[in-house]
Protein backbone atom coordinates (compact mmCIF):
# COMPACT_ATOMS: atom_id res chain seq x y z
CA UNK A 1 -6.78 -29.99 -6.08
CA UNK A 2 -5.60 -27.58 -8.79
CA UNK A 3 -8.77 -28.25 -10.79
CA UNK A 4 -10.87 -27.49 -7.71
CA UNK A 5 -9.14 -24.14 -7.24
CA UNK A 6 -9.56 -23.31 -10.94
CA UNK A 7 -13.26 -24.07 -10.68
CA UNK A 8 -13.60 -21.75 -7.69
CA UNK A 9 -14.17 -24.59 -5.20
CA UNK A 10 -12.04 -23.60 -2.22
CA UNK A 11 -13.72 -26.10 0.08
CA UNK A 12 -10.38 -27.75 0.86
CA UNK A 13 -8.41 -24.51 1.30
CA UNK A 14 -9.59 -23.00 4.56
CA UNK A 15 -6.35 -21.76 6.09
CA UNK A 16 -3.01 -20.38 5.00
CA UNK A 17 0.23 -19.63 6.77
CA UNK A 18 2.98 -17.41 5.42
CA UNK A 19 6.54 -17.12 6.70
CA UNK A 20 7.66 -13.55 5.94
CA UNK A 21 11.47 -13.38 5.78
CA UNK A 22 12.22 -10.30 3.68
CA UNK A 23 11.50 -6.64 4.35
CA UNK A 24 12.53 -4.76 1.22
CA UNK A 25 9.86 -2.82 -0.64
CA UNK A 26 9.58 -5.35 -3.47
CA UNK A 27 9.49 -8.38 -1.14
CA UNK A 28 6.95 -6.81 1.24
CA UNK A 29 4.15 -6.92 -1.33
CA UNK A 30 3.70 -10.67 -1.97
CA UNK A 31 2.91 -11.76 1.61
CA UNK A 32 0.51 -8.87 2.24
CA UNK A 33 -1.24 -9.21 -1.11
CA UNK A 34 -1.60 -12.98 -0.79
CA UNK A 35 -2.60 -12.73 2.88
CA UNK A 36 -5.31 -10.12 2.35
CA UNK A 37 -6.60 -11.91 -0.75
CA UNK A 38 -6.88 -15.20 1.14
CA UNK A 39 -8.61 -13.45 4.05
CA UNK A 40 -11.07 -11.88 1.60
CA UNK A 41 -11.79 -15.42 0.39
CA UNK A 42 -12.73 -16.38 3.95
CA UNK A 43 -9.51 -18.24 4.68
CA UNK A 44 -7.95 -18.10 8.10
CA UNK A 45 -4.53 -16.47 7.55
CA UNK A 46 -1.47 -16.42 9.79
CA UNK A 47 1.68 -14.50 8.91
CA UNK A 48 4.90 -15.26 10.81
CA UNK A 49 7.46 -12.43 10.54
CA UNK A 50 11.04 -13.51 11.13
CA UNK A 51 14.55 -12.21 10.47
CA UNK A 52 14.49 -9.46 7.83
CA UNK A 53 10.71 -9.68 7.48
CA UNK A 54 10.22 -8.58 11.08
CA UNK A 55 10.74 -4.83 10.34
CA UNK A 56 7.50 -4.92 8.32
CA UNK A 57 5.76 -4.86 11.70
CA UNK A 58 7.55 -1.74 12.94
CA UNK A 59 5.32 1.26 13.63
CA UNK A 60 7.40 3.37 11.25
CA UNK A 61 8.33 1.66 8.01
CA UNK A 62 11.49 2.63 6.12
CA UNK A 63 11.63 0.14 3.27
CA UNK A 64 14.06 0.40 0.44
CA UNK A 65 14.40 -1.30 -2.88
CA UNK A 66 17.70 -2.63 -4.08
CA UNK A 67 18.47 -3.62 -7.62
CA UNK A 68 21.70 -5.34 -6.58
CA UNK A 69 21.57 -8.97 -7.63
CA UNK A 70 18.14 -8.60 -9.20
CA UNK A 71 18.53 -8.71 -12.99
CA UNK A 72 14.76 -9.16 -13.39
CA UNK A 73 14.11 -5.66 -12.08
CA UNK A 74 13.42 -3.64 -15.18
CA UNK A 75 11.58 -0.36 -14.88
CA UNK A 76 9.38 1.08 -17.63
CA UNK A 77 11.23 4.17 -18.87
CA UNK A 78 11.27 6.03 -22.16
CA UNK A 79 8.91 3.56 -23.80
CA UNK A 80 10.92 0.45 -22.92
CA UNK A 81 11.97 -1.61 -19.93
CA UNK A 82 15.40 -0.72 -18.65
CA UNK A 83 17.44 -2.78 -16.22
CA UNK A 84 20.07 -1.45 -13.90
CA UNK A 85 23.58 -2.90 -14.04
CA UNK A 86 24.68 -4.37 -10.70
CA UNK A 87 27.62 -2.01 -10.62
CA UNK A 88 25.21 0.96 -10.43
CA UNK A 89 23.77 -0.35 -7.16
CA UNK A 90 27.08 0.30 -5.47
CA UNK A 91 26.90 4.03 -6.15
CA UNK A 92 25.69 5.98 -3.09
CA UNK A 93 22.08 7.10 -3.42
CA UNK A 94 21.11 4.65 -6.17
CA UNK A 95 19.03 2.46 -3.84
CA UNK A 96 17.14 5.52 -2.61
CA UNK A 97 16.57 6.68 -6.20
CA UNK A 98 15.36 3.20 -7.22
CA UNK A 99 13.05 3.16 -4.18
CA UNK A 100 11.62 6.56 -5.09
CA UNK A 101 11.10 5.49 -8.71
CA UNK A 102 9.30 2.31 -7.63
CA UNK A 103 7.08 4.14 -5.13
CA UNK A 104 6.20 6.74 -7.76
CA UNK A 105 5.37 4.03 -10.30
CA UNK A 106 3.20 2.17 -7.79
CA UNK A 107 1.41 5.37 -6.85
CA UNK A 108 0.86 6.23 -10.53
CA UNK A 109 -0.55 2.73 -11.19
CA UNK A 110 -2.79 2.81 -8.09
CA UNK A 111 -1.00 0.05 -6.19
CA UNK A 112 -1.80 0.12 -2.48
CA UNK A 113 1.04 1.03 -0.14
CA UNK A 114 2.48 -1.50 2.28
CA UNK A 115 1.02 0.56 5.12
CA UNK A 116 -2.44 0.25 3.52
CA UNK A 117 -2.01 -3.48 2.92
CA UNK A 118 -0.80 -3.98 6.48
CA UNK A 119 -3.85 -2.09 7.77
CA UNK A 120 -6.10 -4.20 5.52
CA UNK A 121 -4.50 -7.31 7.03
CA UNK A 122 -5.36 -6.11 10.51
CA UNK A 123 -8.90 -5.20 9.45
CA UNK A 124 -9.28 -8.67 7.87
CA UNK A 125 -8.25 -10.40 11.11
CA UNK A 126 -5.03 -11.78 9.66
CA UNK A 127 -3.08 -13.20 12.58
CA UNK A 128 0.38 -11.59 12.59
CA UNK A 129 3.09 -13.15 14.73
CA UNK A 130 6.43 -11.47 15.38
CA UNK A 131 9.27 -13.93 15.97
CA UNK A 132 10.38 -13.47 19.58
CA UNK A 133 13.91 -14.73 18.86
CA UNK A 134 14.32 -12.22 16.00
CA UNK A 135 12.93 -9.46 18.19
CA UNK A 136 15.59 -10.27 20.80
CA UNK A 137 18.34 -10.80 18.22
CA UNK A 138 17.88 -7.41 16.57
CA UNK A 139 17.11 -5.70 19.90
CA UNK A 140 13.59 -4.59 19.08
CA UNK A 141 10.97 -4.08 21.75
CA UNK A 142 7.31 -5.03 21.43
CA UNK A 143 6.70 -1.27 21.85
CA UNK A 144 8.47 -0.73 18.50
CA UNK A 145 5.85 -2.87 16.75
CA UNK A 146 2.34 -2.04 15.56
CA UNK A 147 -0.59 -2.88 17.81
CA UNK A 148 -2.48 -6.11 17.35
CA UNK A 149 0.40 -8.49 16.74
CA UNK A 150 1.39 -11.54 18.75
CA UNK A 151 4.82 -12.70 19.87
CA UNK A 152 5.80 -16.29 19.23
CA UNK A 153 8.55 -18.57 18.12
CA UNK A 154 9.17 -21.38 15.69
CA UNK A 155 6.97 -23.74 17.72
CA UNK A 156 4.08 -21.27 17.46
CA UNK A 157 4.48 -21.16 13.70
CA UNK A 158 4.84 -24.95 13.39
CA UNK A 159 1.61 -25.42 15.33
CA UNK A 160 -0.18 -23.22 12.78
CA UNK A 161 1.59 -24.68 9.73
CA UNK A 162 0.77 -28.26 10.73
CA UNK A 163 -2.94 -27.39 10.51
CA UNK A 164 -2.82 -25.11 7.46
CA UNK A 165 -4.02 -26.13 4.04
CA UNK A 166 -1.55 -23.75 2.32
CA UNK A 167 1.94 -22.90 3.62
CA UNK A 168 4.07 -20.26 1.89
CA UNK A 169 7.66 -19.18 2.47
CA UNK A 170 8.29 -15.66 1.19
């Protein structure tokens, strides 16, 4: 199968499902980038947003980046890549500063925003399912969510996953 994908033969990869479980700025990118890329390759894509991934479907996004517990996060500064000690993440305002730095870097490098990628997902007919249990658990209303999503539970996702050629957990 890997050789087929390398050769550009995606005959066997016609659908993909993604479980989206994280909603920080850095973790929001992989599911949307992979989902829109697969949709552009004519795959049928379903994204299931649960637990902390569910806020990515809110009408108003307020994502943050945290460096706490992420030693791989090194930002290009002053001609080198500098990491942030975990202790720094405990200082008030550091997460907001790290978020601002990351957004500025992405903007400078021409990386699409999560809002743009989310809109591209909708335009590409990516099926987006909000976990009903998580909606209830965190006391969100369907009115809090963007238009065009579905509500469903684990059984809804399992039905999709059982038929998908590619299943990702992000």
